[in-house]
Amino acid sequence: MASVSGNMKGFYRQKKSNTKSSKKASAKSGAAQPTALVSHGDDYSACEAMLRQFDMNMAYGPCAGMTRTARWERAQKLGLNPPQEIEKLLKSGKVQNESLWDGRI
């Protein structure tokens, strides 16, 4: 059997990246938030903020390809107990029925 000279660390030598400079670069570029969630001067009401929280809450199932109303109704049928305030907002017709992710994924 052939003997192995040296250790595995020497064989698989890796360079460590400078973590300080990479953290600064990511903080400057705004990489902390996905672009879909960053608000660029998009002022919205408290009602829309509640609906966005509903969109992001995966407890009520996925929201891709369906309206907020359809998602709320599906969650209700499955016994997931979606908030009644969301139903009232959606039935009022004063808010967007499309989810936060509509057209982005």
Foldseek 3Di string as FASTA:
>chain_A
DDDDPDDVCVVPPDDDDDVVVVVVVCVVVVVPDPPLPDDDVDDDDPLVVVQQVVQPDCLLPHDPPHWQQVSVVSSVVVVSDDDPVNVVSVVVPPDDRHYSCVPPD
